[in-house]
Structure formats: structure tokens, C-alpha cells
Amino acid sequence: MPGSGSLGTTTSLSLRLGQAIFSTASLLFMSVDVEFYSYTAFCYLVTIMGLLIPWSFTLAMVDGYSLFVGCPLRQTGIMVVIVVGDWVLSMLSLAAACSTAGVIDLLLNTDRPYCAPKFCARYQLSAAMAFLSWFLTGISSLFNLWILASL
């Protein structure tokens, strides 16, 4: 069924909540008690996760409202904005996760490690959460693209 994961369904609500949770976890692992601002890739990750959290949470609230009133949104203009927003944030979060993972790999695999094991482990967890968030955002955008094409 093409609308099974589109905006206003329980699947979409689950995906959006997962995005918000993983983005928040990534942001917290990167920014709490860690000096992330030393590397541009880490600052980029924090910025993108900071954008993805309100986006996902807002769309989760829209999904919850749509489920509560029993009327999923099927307006073309709204769906175009959501699909474009999902695609843009999906690509930005993939870039942030990849650049963070690359910097972490560089920090760990030099002749002598440049970060304390405690910090590198937090950086790695943050990158992993960013990848999970990206994955869920990509799935959401594909579901909504599918429903947009059927309108």
C-alpha cells in the first residue's frame, strides 16, 4: 500500500519519533562534556542534528494529530514541502555523519591517537546515532515521495 508510511500514519509517526530520538542522542553524545568545537565536521554534525530534531518532532506532532482526528494529510503543496525538506535534511545528515566518521577514523588511526578514549567513544556513538537518524529520514522521504507521486 503506497500510503503505509506516509504522513499521518502510525508508521510515519514511528519513523519521526525514531529520527527525533536518534538525532537527540547524536547531539547529546557530541556536545555534552565533550569539546566538539575543535573540529569543523563535529560542529557541522551538531548543527544538522539541531535542525533535524525540530523538523522530526514537528512532523511527529502532525502525524499524531492526523491519527487523532483520523484524517491523513494529502495536500500536494504540503507533501512537496515535506518531501523536499526530508530529502535536504537526509542528504545533510548523511554528509554530517560521514564527515564525522571520517574525522574519528583519522583521530583513532594515526601514529598516536589524538583524542582520549572517552571522547573518541562518544564521538563514535554520536556518528552511529547520526547514521541511524539519516536512515530513518531517508525512509520517511521515500514513503512520502511515493504518496506524492500518487496524488
Protein backbone atom coordinates (compact mmCIF):
# COMPACT_ATOMS: atom_id res chain seq x y z
CA MET A 1 0.00 0.00 0.00
CA PRO A 2 1.63 3.28 -1.05
CA GLY A 3 0.40 5.32 1.93
CA SER A 4 1.56 2.87 4.59
CA GLY A 5 4.42 5.09 5.77
CA SER A 6 3.33 8.48 4.50
CA LEU A 7 2.47 11.46 6.64
CA GLY A 8 -0.42 10.84 9.02
CA THR A 9 0.12 7.12 9.62
CA THR A 10 1.43 5.16 12.60
CA THR A 11 4.45 4.09 10.57
CA SER A 12 5.29 7.71 9.83
CA LEU A 13 4.82 8.62 13.50
CA SER A 14 7.22 5.82 14.49
CA LEU A 15 9.80 6.90 11.92
CA ARG A 16 9.58 10.55 13.01
CA LEU A 17 9.93 9.69 16.68
CA GLY A 18 12.91 7.48 15.84
CA GLN A 19 14.51 10.33 13.90
CA ALA A 20 13.98 12.72 16.79
CA ILE A 21 15.36 10.23 19.33
CA PHE A 22 18.47 9.32 17.30
CA SER A 23 19.16 12.94 16.39
CA THR A 24 18.85 13.99 20.02
CA ALA A 25 21.14 11.15 21.09
CA SER A 26 23.70 12.13 18.45
CA LEU A 27 23.58 15.75 19.55
CA LEU A 28 23.92 14.87 23.22
CA PHE A 29 26.80 12.42 22.69
CA MET A 30 28.65 15.05 20.69
CA SER A 31 28.02 18.12 22.79
CA VAL A 32 27.69 17.18 26.47
CA ASP A 33 31.01 17.25 28.31
CA VAL A 34 32.98 16.97 25.06
CA GLU A 35 34.96 19.62 23.19
CA PHE A 36 33.35 19.10 19.79
CA TYR A 37 34.07 22.62 18.52
CA SER A 38 37.71 21.73 17.82
CA TYR A 39 36.73 20.07 14.53
CA THR A 40 34.56 21.53 11.77
CA ALA A 41 32.93 18.17 10.98
CA PHE A 42 31.74 17.87 14.58
CA CYS A 43 30.31 21.40 14.52
CA TYR A 44 28.55 20.53 11.27
CA LEU A 45 27.04 17.40 12.83
CA VAL A 46 25.79 19.38 15.82
CA THR A 47 24.24 21.98 13.52
CA ILE A 48 22.46 19.45 11.30
CA MET A 49 21.18 17.41 14.25
CA GLY A 50 19.97 20.69 15.74
CA LEU A 51 17.94 21.25 12.57
CA LEU A 52 16.70 17.67 12.29
CA ILE A 53 15.31 17.47 15.83
CA PRO A 54 12.64 20.18 15.48
CA TRP A 55 11.80 19.04 11.93
CA SER A 56 11.21 15.45 13.02
CA PHE A 57 9.42 16.39 16.21
CA THR A 58 7.10 18.82 14.41
CA LEU A 59 6.19 16.22 11.79
CA ALA A 60 5.67 13.66 14.56
CA MET A 61 3.16 16.06 16.13
CA VAL A 62 1.44 16.44 12.73
CA ASP A 63 1.33 12.65 12.42
CA GLY A 64 -0.12 12.34 15.92
CA TYR A 65 -2.76 14.98 15.17
CA SER A 66 -3.65 13.32 11.87
CA LEU A 67 -4.06 10.00 13.61
CA PHE A 68 -6.13 11.58 16.40
CA VAL A 69 -8.60 13.23 14.03
CA GLY A 70 -8.47 10.31 11.59
CA CYS A 71 -7.64 12.41 8.55
CA PRO A 72 -4.20 11.97 6.98
CA LEU A 73 -2.81 14.97 5.09
CA ARG A 74 -2.96 14.51 1.35
CA GLN A 75 -2.50 18.05 0.03
CA THR A 76 0.04 18.29 -2.76
CA GLY A 77 1.64 21.56 -1.62
CA ILE A 78 2.22 20.32 1.93
CA MET A 79 3.56 16.99 0.68
CA VAL A 80 6.02 18.72 -1.68
CA VAL A 81 7.41 20.82 1.21
CA ILE A 82 7.74 17.73 3.40
CA VAL A 83 9.40 15.63 0.68
CA VAL A 84 11.87 18.38 -0.20
CA GLY A 85 12.60 19.05 3.49
CA ASP A 86 13.16 15.36 4.14
CA TRP A 87 15.48 14.99 1.14
CA VAL A 88 17.52 18.04 2.04
CA LEU A 89 17.86 17.06 5.70
CA SER A 90 18.54 13.46 4.72
CA MET A 91 21.46 14.44 2.50
CA LEU A 92 22.80 16.93 5.04
CA SER A 93 22.63 14.38 7.85
CA LEU A 94 24.36 11.76 5.70
CA ALA A 95 27.13 14.25 4.92
CA ALA A 96 27.44 15.16 8.60
CA ALA A 97 27.56 11.53 9.71
CA CYS A 98 30.13 10.60 7.05
CA SER A 99 32.39 13.56 7.74
CA THR A 100 32.24 12.89 11.48
CA ALA A 101 33.05 9.22 10.95
CA GLY A 102 35.98 10.18 8.72
CA VAL A 103 37.44 12.56 11.30
CA ILE A 104 37.00 9.97 14.05
CA ASP A 105 38.77 7.38 11.92
CA LEU A 106 41.61 9.81 11.31
CA LEU A 107 41.86 10.64 15.02
CA LEU A 108 42.00 6.98 16.01
CA ASN A 109 44.25 5.58 13.28
CA THR A 110 47.21 7.91 13.32
CA ASP A 111 50.57 7.02 14.85
CA ARG A 112 49.35 8.24 18.19
CA PRO A 113 45.66 8.80 18.96
CA TYR A 114 44.70 12.46 19.12
CA CYS A 115 41.75 12.08 21.45
CA ALA A 116 41.15 10.41 24.78
CA PRO A 117 39.36 7.05 24.56
CA LYS A 118 36.40 8.51 26.48
CA PHE A 119 35.96 11.29 23.91
CA CYS A 120 36.51 9.10 20.85
CA ALA A 121 33.93 6.61 22.08
CA ARG A 122 31.41 9.44 22.49
CA TYR A 123 32.25 10.73 19.01
CA GLN A 124 31.72 7.25 17.58
CA LEU A 125 28.36 6.88 19.30
CA SER A 126 27.31 10.27 18.02
CA ALA A 127 28.21 9.31 14.44
CA ALA A 128 26.36 6.00 14.77
CA MET A 129 23.23 7.77 16.01
CA ALA A 130 23.53 10.24 13.12
CA PHE A 131 23.65 7.37 10.63
CA LEU A 132 20.55 5.80 12.19
CA SER A 133 18.75 9.13 12.06
CA TRP A 134 19.73 9.54 8.41
CA PHE A 135 18.43 6.07 7.59
CA LEU A 136 15.02 6.80 9.13
CA THR A 137 14.83 10.21 7.44
CA GLY A 138 15.58 8.60 4.08
CA ILE A 139 12.83 6.02 4.59
CA SER A 140 10.35 8.75 5.52
CA SER A 141 11.19 10.75 2.44
CA LEU A 142 10.78 7.72 0.18
CA PHE A 143 7.36 6.90 1.66
CA ASN A 144 6.20 10.49 1.25
CA LEU A 145 7.62 10.71 -2.28
CA TRP A 146 5.64 7.60 -3.12
CA ILE A 147 2.39 9.11 -1.82
CA LEU A 148 3.15 12.44 -3.54
CA ALA A 149 3.52 10.65 -6.87
CA SER A 150 0.12 9.02 -6.37
CA LEU A 151 -1.73 12.30 -5.67
